[in-house]
N, C-alpha and C. Protein backbone atom coordinates (compact mmCIF):
# COMPACT_ATOMS: atom_id res chain seq x y z
N MET A 1 -23.94 -139.24 181.34
CA MET A 1 -24.47 -138.31 182.25
C MET A 1 -25.41 -139.16 183.47
N LYS A 2 -26.38 -139.92 183.04
CA LYS A 2 -26.82 -140.51 184.19
C LYS A 2 -25.93 -141.57 185.21
N GLU A 3 -25.18 -142.04 184.48
CA GLU A 3 -24.26 -142.79 185.17
C GLU A 3 -23.62 -142.02 186.06
N LYS A 4 -23.17 -140.82 185.88
CA LYS A 4 -22.49 -139.67 186.71
C LYS A 4 -23.62 -139.29 188.13
N LYS A 5 -24.62 -139.35 187.97
CA LYS A 5 -25.74 -139.07 188.86
C LYS A 5 -25.71 -139.95 189.63
N ASN A 6 -25.96 -141.34 189.05
CA ASN A 6 -26.27 -142.13 189.94
C ASN A 6 -24.86 -142.56 190.64
N GLN A 7 -23.69 -142.38 190.39
CA GLN A 7 -22.41 -142.63 191.29
C GLN A 7 -22.38 -141.47 192.26
N LYS A 8 -23.03 -140.21 191.83
CA LYS A 8 -23.20 -139.15 193.10
C LYS A 8 -24.22 -139.69 194.23
N PHE A 9 -25.22 -140.15 193.56
CA PHE A 9 -26.38 -140.67 194.55
C PHE A 9 -25.61 -141.60 195.84
N VAL A 10 -25.15 -142.61 195.06
CA VAL A 10 -24.76 -143.71 195.79
C VAL A 10 -23.68 -143.09 196.64
N ARG A 11 -22.80 -142.17 196.18
CA ARG A 11 -21.80 -141.82 197.05
C ARG A 11 -22.39 -141.08 198.25
N GLU A 12 -23.48 -139.96 197.94
CA GLU A 12 -23.92 -139.14 198.60
C GLU A 12 -24.51 -139.98 200.07
N ARG A 13 -25.12 -141.34 199.47
CA ARG A 13 -26.11 -141.74 200.24
C ARG A 13 -25.03 -142.78 201.43
N GLY A 14 -23.72 -143.00 200.87
CA GLY A 14 -22.95 -143.73 201.75
C GLY A 14 -22.12 -142.56 202.75
N GLU A 15 -22.00 -141.38 202.26
CA GLU A 15 -21.67 -140.48 203.13
C GLU A 15 -22.55 -140.49 204.32
N ARG A 16 -24.11 -140.30 203.89
CA ARG A 16 -24.82 -140.01 204.75
C ARG A 16 -24.90 -141.09 205.89
N GLU A 17 -24.90 -142.12 205.18
CA GLU A 17 -24.90 -143.57 206.36
C GLU A 17 -23.64 -143.44 207.28
N LEU A 18 -22.30 -142.73 206.82
CA LEU A 18 -21.20 -143.03 207.43
C LEU A 18 -21.40 -141.68 208.93
N ALA A 19 -22.11 -140.75 208.22
CA ALA A 19 -22.29 -139.64 209.05
C ALA A 19 -23.31 -140.22 210.35
N LYS A 20 -24.34 -140.77 209.95
CA LYS A 20 -25.25 -141.66 211.00
C LYS A 20 -24.47 -142.10 212.08
N THR A 21 -23.77 -143.04 211.38
CA THR A 21 -22.91 -144.05 212.13
C THR A 21 -21.89 -143.39 213.17
N ILE A 22 -21.20 -142.18 212.76
CA ILE A 22 -20.39 -141.35 213.77
C ILE A 22 -21.04 -140.86 214.74
N ILE A 23 -22.46 -140.24 214.18
CA ILE A 23 -22.77 -139.33 215.47
C ILE A 23 -23.55 -140.22 216.21
N LYS A 24 -24.17 -141.45 216.02
CA LYS A 24 -24.56 -142.51 217.21
C LYS A 24 -23.20 -143.08 217.82
N GLN A 25 -22.15 -143.16 217.20
CA GLN A 25 -21.02 -143.31 218.07
C GLN A 25 -20.58 -142.29 219.47
N VAL A 26 -21.05 -141.01 218.80
CA VAL A 26 -20.40 -139.73 219.46
C VAL A 26 -21.69 -140.11 220.77
N GLN A 27 -22.73 -140.36 220.10
CA GLN A 27 -23.64 -140.02 221.24
C GLN A 27 -23.37 -140.97 222.31
N ASP A 28 -23.05 -142.45 221.78
CA ASP A 28 -23.12 -143.51 222.74
C ASP A 28 -21.88 -143.20 223.96
N SER A 29 -20.85 -142.70 223.38
CA SER A 29 -19.56 -142.29 223.91
C SER A 29 -20.04 -141.36 225.06
N THR A 30 -20.59 -140.08 224.61
CA THR A 30 -21.06 -139.31 225.61
C THR A 30 -21.97 -139.74 226.99
N LYS A 31 -22.82 -140.56 226.41
CA LYS A 31 -23.51 -141.19 227.53
C LYS A 31 -22.76 -141.97 228.41
N GLU A 32 -21.70 -142.72 227.89
CA GLU A 32 -20.77 -143.48 229.07
C GLU A 32 -19.86 -142.64 229.62
N LEU A 33 -19.42 -141.53 228.93
CA LEU A 33 -18.60 -140.57 229.46
C LEU A 33 -19.53 -139.83 230.95
N ASP A 34 -20.68 -139.54 230.32
CA ASP A 34 -21.82 -138.87 231.83
C ASP A 34 -21.85 -139.81 232.84
N GLN A 35 -22.10 -141.12 232.48
CA GLN A 35 -22.33 -142.20 233.63
C GLN A 35 -20.91 -142.38 234.22
N GLU A 36 -19.68 -142.23 233.92
CA GLU A 36 -18.53 -142.60 234.38
C GLU A 36 -18.30 -141.14 235.37
N VAL A 37 -18.58 -140.04 234.88
CA VAL A 37 -18.53 -138.92 235.73
C VAL A 37 -19.40 -138.92 236.96
N GLU A 38 -20.51 -139.19 236.47
CA GLU A 38 -21.66 -139.58 237.72
C GLU A 38 -21.14 -140.45 238.78
N ASP A 39 -20.71 -141.75 238.53
CA ASP A 39 -19.95 -142.76 239.27
C ASP A 39 -18.92 -142.40 239.95
N VAL A 40 -17.79 -141.25 239.31
CA VAL A 40 -16.88 -140.73 240.13
C VAL A 40 -17.39 -139.55 241.25
N ILE A 41 -18.33 -139.07 240.56
CA ILE A 41 -18.61 -138.22 241.91
C ILE A 41 -19.49 -138.66 242.85
N ARG A 42 -20.07 -139.57 242.72
CA ARG A 42 -20.73 -140.66 243.63
C ARG A 42 -19.94 -141.50 244.59
N LEU A 43 -18.77 -141.73 243.83
CA LEU A 43 -17.89 -142.53 244.86
C LEU A 43 -17.04 -141.51 245.73
N GLY A 44 -16.66 -140.55 245.13
CA GLY A 44 -16.02 -139.82 246.06
C GLY A 44 -16.97 -138.89 246.75
N ARG A 45 -18.05 -138.75 246.91
CA ARG A 45 -19.24 -138.19 247.72
C ARG A 45 -19.08 -139.04 248.98
N PHE A 46 -19.40 -140.32 248.77
CA PHE A 46 -19.22 -141.34 249.88
C PHE A 46 -18.17 -142.13 250.22
N SER A 47 -17.04 -141.68 249.91
CA SER A 47 -15.66 -142.32 250.52
C SER A 47 -15.45 -142.20 252.09
N GLY A 48 -15.21 -143.03 252.64
CA GLY A 48 -14.72 -142.83 253.85
C GLY A 48 -16.37 -142.77 254.85
N GLY A 49 -17.28 -143.03 254.42
CA GLY A 49 -18.55 -142.85 254.96
C GLY A 49 -19.16 -141.31 255.47
N ARG A 50 -18.14 -140.41 254.59
CA ARG A 50 -18.44 -139.04 254.87
C ARG A 50 -18.78 -138.21 253.64
N LYS A 51 -19.81 -137.51 253.48
CA LYS A 51 -19.99 -136.84 252.24
C LYS A 51 -18.76 -135.42 252.08
N LYS A 52 -18.23 -135.69 250.91
CA LYS A 52 -17.06 -134.99 250.66
C LYS A 52 -17.56 -133.68 249.52
N THR A 53 -17.22 -132.73 249.34
CA THR A 53 -17.87 -131.82 248.45
C THR A 53 -16.98 -131.03 248.22
N ASN A 54 -16.62 -130.56 246.79
CA ASN A 54 -15.60 -129.61 246.58
C ASN A 54 -15.75 -129.01 245.09
N GLU A 55 -15.02 -127.64 244.82
CA GLU A 55 -15.83 -127.02 243.88
C GLU A 55 -15.39 -127.51 242.77
N SER A 56 -14.80 -128.59 242.14
CA SER A 56 -14.81 -129.59 241.12
C SER A 56 -15.92 -130.25 240.73
N GLU A 57 -16.36 -130.72 241.94
CA GLU A 57 -17.67 -131.42 241.75
C GLU A 57 -18.71 -130.67 241.47
N ASN A 58 -18.90 -129.58 242.08
CA ASN A 58 -20.12 -128.76 241.80
C ASN A 58 -20.07 -128.07 240.26
N GLU A 59 -18.83 -127.88 239.83
CA GLU A 59 -18.47 -127.41 238.65
C GLU A 59 -18.74 -128.64 237.39
N ILE A 60 -18.49 -129.76 237.81
CA ILE A 60 -18.71 -131.00 236.94
C ILE A 60 -20.10 -131.09 236.76
N ALA A 61 -20.66 -130.87 237.87
CA ALA A 61 -22.58 -131.48 238.08
C ALA A 61 -22.98 -130.12 237.43
N GLY A 62 -22.50 -129.25 236.83
CA GLY A 62 -22.98 -128.26 236.36
C GLY A 62 -23.41 -126.78 237.30
N GLY A 63 -22.67 -126.70 238.23
CA GLY A 63 -22.48 -125.61 239.49
C GLY A 63 -21.86 -124.45 238.44
N SER A 64 -21.88 -123.39 239.21
CA SER A 64 -21.68 -122.05 238.55
C SER A 64 -19.81 -122.35 238.78
N GLY A 65 -19.23 -121.88 237.45
CA GLY A 65 -17.55 -121.73 237.94
C GLY A 65 -17.49 -120.18 237.51
N ALA A 66 -18.27 -119.32 237.84
CA ALA A 66 -18.01 -118.07 237.52
C ALA A 66 -16.84 -117.50 238.49
N ASP A 67 -16.58 -117.92 239.70
CA ASP A 67 -15.64 -117.15 240.21
C ASP A 67 -14.18 -117.94 240.20
N TYR A 68 -14.19 -118.95 239.05
CA TYR A 68 -12.83 -119.93 238.94
C TYR A 68 -11.56 -118.70 238.46
N ASP A 69 -11.96 -118.08 237.56
CA ASP A 69 -10.36 -117.20 237.28
C ASP A 69 -10.24 -116.33 238.54
N LYS A 70 -11.19 -116.02 238.81
CA LYS A 70 -10.59 -114.61 240.15
C LYS A 70 -9.87 -115.47 241.24
N LYS A 71 -10.78 -116.81 241.49
CA LYS A 71 -9.67 -117.53 242.41
C LYS A 71 -8.85 -117.93 242.15
N ARG A 72 -8.39 -118.15 240.60
CA ARG A 72 -7.08 -118.63 240.40
C ARG A 72 -6.03 -117.67 240.35
N GLU A 73 -6.24 -116.30 239.78
CA GLU A 73 -5.51 -115.40 239.97
C GLU A 73 -5.07 -115.14 241.31
N THR A 74 -6.05 -114.73 242.27
CA THR A 74 -5.61 -114.61 243.88
C THR A 74 -4.79 -115.63 244.53
N GLY A 75 -4.64 -116.90 243.67
CA GLY A 75 -4.28 -117.91 244.70
C GLY A 75 -5.10 -118.80 245.31
């Protein structure tokens, strides 16, 4: 019986370590993606020596997309 408890403990510990590793990888990937999005916005905004803005930039940057469906329906 004691051996089963030890096996369970070892398995659960391994699962916790795996979960921590996966969480770290997701966090790292999220940081990389955030940086890439910022770079794309920055490059798009300053291409051609003039500042460009559009609705998708604002949505990506956290702007309001409340009117998105209305604009899409009306064309």
